[in-house]
Amino acid sequence: MWTTRNRSGLVEQDENGVRTSYIPEKTGREIYRIYTFGGSTMENIEVPNEYTIASNLVKILSNSNLSSDYDFEIINFGSGAYTNTQEMIRLIYEYQRGFKDYGKPNLVVFLMELMIFFQVFTLRGQAFMMRMIELK
């Protein structure tokens, strides 16, 4: 699977090249797992792990009212130069393997990069900066 590798010295990645994120303390509640996809903005190459978009999102969710029902976990598949095609290929790859490395997600979030936004905007006249898919 194609991913970018650590270029800044700030990025921590697991053995599959996936950016690691802040992991809140588990309380034993049901895990609500979110996969995030995107290009360099989601990867946050110039940002330490605890300040990435994915890490901030898991912190917000873990401190929300929803944390009384769930322990939140975010898997950050953001990778520099990723486009929608690579994101979908990676999601399908994880699905075909039964989500064996990271567990089945409850929600998948795609953060569209600015360049893709302009491509979609010019071609279709409208665009959404973020798409979410709930997996059941």
C-alpha atoms as a PDB file:
ATOM      1  CA  MET A   1       0.000   0.000   0.000  1.00  0.00           C
ATOM      2  CA  TRP A   2       1.410   3.363  -1.022  1.00  0.00           C
ATOM      3  CA  THR A   3       1.991   5.830   1.822  1.00  0.00           C
ATOM      4  CA  THR A   4       4.398   8.668   2.420  1.00  0.00           C
ATOM      5  CA  ARG A   5       7.170   8.208   4.942  1.00  0.00           C
ATOM      6  CA  ASN A   6       8.341  10.488   7.715  1.00  0.00           C
ATOM      7  CA  ARG A   7      10.089  13.457   6.141  1.00  0.00           C
ATOM      8  CA  SER A   8       9.995  16.018   8.943  1.00  0.00           C
ATOM      9  CA  GLY A   9      11.093  14.049  11.981  1.00  0.00           C
ATOM     10  CA  LEU A  10       7.819  14.978  13.718  1.00  0.00           C
ATOM     11  CA  VAL A  11       5.722  12.211  12.224  1.00  0.00           C
ATOM     12  CA  GLU A  12       5.248   8.951  14.080  1.00  0.00           C
ATOM     13  CA  GLN A  13       3.966   6.100  11.931  1.00  0.00           C
ATOM     14  CA  ASP A  14       3.169   2.485  12.638  1.00  0.00           C
ATOM     15  CA  GLU A  15       4.601  -0.462  10.698  1.00  0.00           C
ATOM     16  CA  ASN A  16       1.994   0.066   7.937  1.00  0.00           C
ATOM     17  CA  GLY A  17       2.925   3.723   7.376  1.00  0.00           C
ATOM     18  CA  VAL A  18      -0.216   4.993   9.154  1.00  0.00           C
ATOM     19  CA  ARG A  19       0.171   8.206  11.146  1.00  0.00           C
ATOM     20  CA  THR A  20      -0.237   7.564  14.858  1.00  0.00           C
ATOM     21  CA  SER A  21      -2.611   9.781  16.815  1.00  0.00           C
ATOM     22  CA  TYR A  22      -3.305  10.668  20.410  1.00  0.00           C
ATOM     23  CA  ILE A  23      -4.877   7.707  22.209  1.00  0.00           C
ATOM     24  CA  PRO A  24      -7.102   8.629  25.142  1.00  0.00           C
ATOM     25  CA  GLU A  25      -7.296   6.428  28.203  1.00  0.00           C
ATOM     26  CA  LYS A  26      -9.743   3.548  27.719  1.00  0.00           C
ATOM     27  CA  THR A  27     -12.606   3.295  30.209  1.00  0.00           C
ATOM     28  CA  GLY A  28     -14.029  -0.046  29.105  1.00  0.00           C
ATOM     29  CA  ARG A  29     -16.920   1.480  27.206  1.00  0.00           C
ATOM     30  CA  GLU A  30     -17.826   0.441  23.672  1.00  0.00           C
ATOM     31  CA  ILE A  31     -15.191   1.623  21.187  1.00  0.00           C
ATOM     32  CA  TYR A  32     -16.381   4.024  18.505  1.00  0.00           C
ATOM     33  CA  ARG A  33     -13.698   3.841  15.818  1.00  0.00           C
ATOM     34  CA  ILE A  34     -13.274   6.536  13.176  1.00  0.00           C
ATOM     35  CA  TYR A  35     -11.056   6.229  10.108  1.00  0.00           C
ATOM     36  CA  THR A  36      -9.868   9.559   8.700  1.00  0.00           C
ATOM     37  CA  PHE A  37      -8.571   9.909   5.154  1.00  0.00           C
ATOM     38  CA  GLY A  38      -7.027  12.848   3.350  1.00  0.00           C
ATOM     39  CA  GLY A  39      -3.827  14.182   1.906  1.00  0.00           C
ATOM     40  CA  SER A  40      -1.131  16.239   3.568  1.00  0.00           C
ATOM     41  CA  THR A  41      -3.614  18.356   5.531  1.00  0.00           C
ATOM     42  CA  MET A  42      -4.957  15.294   7.321  1.00  0.00           C
ATOM     43  CA  GLU A  43      -1.487  13.805   7.700  1.00  0.00           C
ATOM     44  CA  ASN A  44      -0.239  17.065   9.304  1.00  0.00           C
ATOM     45  CA  ILE A  45       3.394  16.381   8.414  1.00  0.00           C
ATOM     46  CA  GLU A  46       4.733  19.491  10.201  1.00  0.00           C
ATOM     47  CA  VAL A  47       2.771  18.925  13.403  1.00  0.00           C
ATOM     48  CA  PRO A  48       3.613  16.729  16.411  1.00  0.00           C
ATOM     49  CA  ASN A  49       1.216  13.796  16.890  1.00  0.00           C
ATOM     50  CA  GLU A  50      -0.730  15.328  19.768  1.00  0.00           C
ATOM     51  CA  TYR A  51      -1.754  18.343  17.628  1.00  0.00           C
ATOM     52  CA  THR A  52      -2.933  16.699  14.390  1.00  0.00           C
ATOM     53  CA  ILE A  53      -6.524  17.052  13.182  1.00  0.00           C
ATOM     54  CA  ALA A  54      -7.175  13.411  14.113  1.00  0.00           C
ATOM     55  CA  SER A  55      -5.694  13.842  17.596  1.00  0.00           C
ATOM     56  CA  ASN A  56      -7.695  17.000  18.232  1.00  0.00           C
ATOM     57  CA  LEU A  57     -10.873  15.311  17.026  1.00  0.00           C
ATOM     58  CA  VAL A  58     -10.425  12.350  19.372  1.00  0.00           C
ATOM     59  CA  LYS A  59      -9.712  14.732  22.279  1.00  0.00           C
ATOM     60  CA  ILE A  60     -12.885  16.732  21.558  1.00  0.00           C
ATOM     61  CA  LEU A  61     -15.017  13.592  21.281  1.00  0.00           C
ATOM     62  CA  SER A  62     -13.466  12.063  24.411  1.00  0.00           C
ATOM     63  CA  ASN A  63     -14.354  15.190  26.396  1.00  0.00           C
ATOM     64  CA  SER A  64     -17.887  15.460  25.007  1.00  0.00           C
ATOM     65  CA  ASN A  65     -21.171  14.103  26.355  1.00  0.00           C
ATOM     66  CA  LEU A  66     -20.743  11.172  23.966  1.00  0.00           C
ATOM     67  CA  SER A  67     -17.853   9.877  26.078  1.00  0.00           C
ATOM     68  CA  SER A  68     -20.349   8.565  28.625  1.00  0.00           C
ATOM     69  CA  ASP A  69     -21.310   5.938  26.008  1.00  0.00           C
ATOM     70  CA  TYR A  70     -18.104   5.411  24.006  1.00  0.00           C
ATOM     71  CA  ASP A  71     -14.345   5.291  24.074  1.00  0.00           C
ATOM     72  CA  PHE A  72     -13.228   7.011  20.870  1.00  0.00           C
ATOM     73  CA  GLU A  73     -10.421   5.841  18.643  1.00  0.00           C
ATOM     74  CA  ILE A  74      -9.229   7.527  15.459  1.00  0.00           C
ATOM     75  CA  ILE A  75      -7.053   5.905  12.818  1.00  0.00           C
ATOM     76  CA  ASN A  76      -5.397   8.595  10.696  1.00  0.00           C
ATOM     77  CA  PHE A  77      -4.840   7.318   7.152  1.00  0.00           C
ATOM     78  CA  GLY A  78      -3.876  10.802   5.935  1.00  0.00           C
ATOM     79  CA  SER A  79      -0.909  10.685   3.599  1.00  0.00           C
ATOM     80  CA  GLY A  80       0.817  13.415   1.599  1.00  0.00           C
ATOM     81  CA  ALA A  81      -0.281  13.636  -2.045  1.00  0.00           C
ATOM     82  CA  TYR A  82      -3.240  11.302  -1.506  1.00  0.00           C
ATOM     83  CA  THR A  83      -6.225  11.895  -3.750  1.00  0.00           C
ATOM     84  CA  ASN A  84      -9.746  10.489  -3.521  1.00  0.00           C
ATOM     85  CA  THR A  85      -8.584   7.489  -5.550  1.00  0.00           C
ATOM     86  CA  GLN A  86      -5.817   6.472  -3.122  1.00  0.00           C
ATOM     87  CA  GLU A  87      -8.164   7.049  -0.172  1.00  0.00           C
ATOM     88  CA  MET A  88     -10.808   4.735  -1.614  1.00  0.00           C
ATOM     89  CA  ILE A  89      -8.199   2.127  -2.572  1.00  0.00           C
ATOM     90  CA  ARG A  90      -6.902   2.136   1.010  1.00  0.00           C
ATOM     91  CA  LEU A  91     -10.419   1.835   2.470  1.00  0.00           C
ATOM     92  CA  ILE A  92     -11.257  -1.041   0.108  1.00  0.00           C
ATOM     93  CA  TYR A  93      -7.920  -2.684   0.945  1.00  0.00           C
ATOM     94  CA  GLU A  94      -8.691  -2.520   4.669  1.00  0.00           C
ATOM     95  CA  TYR A  95     -12.220  -3.859   4.016  1.00  0.00           C
ATOM     96  CA  GLN A  96     -10.950  -6.771   1.901  1.00  0.00           C
ATOM     97  CA  ARG A  97      -8.585  -7.728   4.721  1.00  0.00           C
ATOM     98  CA  GLY A  98     -11.455  -7.683   7.237  1.00  0.00           C
ATOM     99  CA  PHE A  99     -10.118  -4.535   8.955  1.00  0.00           C
ATOM    100  CA  LYS A 100      -7.648  -6.874  10.675  1.00  0.00           C
ATOM    101  CA  ASP A 101      -5.006  -4.288  11.627  1.00  0.00           C
ATOM    102  CA  TYR A 102      -7.172  -1.492  12.995  1.00  0.00           C
ATOM    103  CA  GLY A 103     -10.642  -2.932  13.594  1.00  0.00           C
ATOM    104  CA  LYS A 104     -13.867  -2.156  11.745  1.00  0.00           C
ATOM    105  CA  PRO A 105     -14.693   1.558  11.727  1.00  0.00           C
ATOM    106  CA  ASN A 106     -18.036   2.949  12.839  1.00  0.00           C
ATOM    107  CA  LEU A 107     -17.456   6.087  10.773  1.00  0.00           C
ATOM    108  CA  VAL A 108     -15.177   7.028   7.870  1.00  0.00           C
ATOM    109  CA  VAL A 109     -14.285  10.687   7.294  1.00  0.00           C
ATOM    110  CA  PHE A 110     -12.713  11.997   4.083  1.00  0.00           C
ATOM    111  CA  LEU A 111     -11.110  15.439   4.315  1.00  0.00           C
ATOM    112  CA  MET A 112     -10.851  16.866   0.834  1.00  0.00           C
ATOM    113  CA  GLU A 113      -7.783  18.932   0.103  1.00  0.00           C
ATOM    114  CA  LEU A 114      -7.942  22.441  -1.314  1.00  0.00           C
ATOM    115  CA  MET A 115      -6.689  21.343  -4.762  1.00  0.00           C
ATOM    116  CA  ILE A 116      -9.383  18.690  -5.052  1.00  0.00           C
ATOM    117  CA  PHE A 117     -11.958  21.217  -3.887  1.00  0.00           C
ATOM    118  CA  PHE A 118     -11.059  23.492  -6.793  1.00  0.00           C
ATOM    119  CA  GLN A 119     -11.066  20.577  -9.249  1.00  0.00           C
ATOM    120  CA  VAL A 120     -14.507  19.459  -8.132  1.00  0.00           C
ATOM    121  CA  PHE A 121     -15.796  23.022  -7.958  1.00  0.00           C
ATOM    122  CA  THR A 122     -14.654  23.775 -11.489  1.00  0.00           C
ATOM    123  CA  LEU A 123     -15.909  20.518 -12.937  1.00  0.00           C
ATOM    124  CA  ARG A 124     -19.219  20.177 -11.142  1.00  0.00           C
ATOM    125  CA  GLY A 125     -20.057  23.634  -9.859  1.00  0.00           C
ATOM    126  CA  GLN A 126     -20.266  22.458  -6.253  1.00  0.00           C
ATOM    127  CA  ALA A 127     -18.236  20.571  -3.712  1.00  0.00           C
ATOM    128  CA  PHE A 128     -18.241  19.315  -0.173  1.00  0.00           C
ATOM    129  CA  MET A 129     -15.064  19.725   1.852  1.00  0.00           C
ATOM    130  CA  MET A 130     -15.781  16.720   4.031  1.00  0.00           C
ATOM    131  CA  ARG A 131     -17.684  13.518   3.383  1.00  0.00           C
ATOM    132  CA  MET A 132     -18.627  11.003   6.010  1.00  0.00           C
ATOM    133  CA  ILE A 133     -19.716   7.406   5.624  1.00  0.00           C
ATOM    134  CA  GLU A 134     -21.203   5.495   8.516  1.00  0.00           C
ATOM    135  CA  LEU A 135     -20.433   1.796   8.347  1.00  0.00           C
ATOM    136  CA  LYS A 136     -22.898  -0.630   9.903  1.00  0.00           C
END
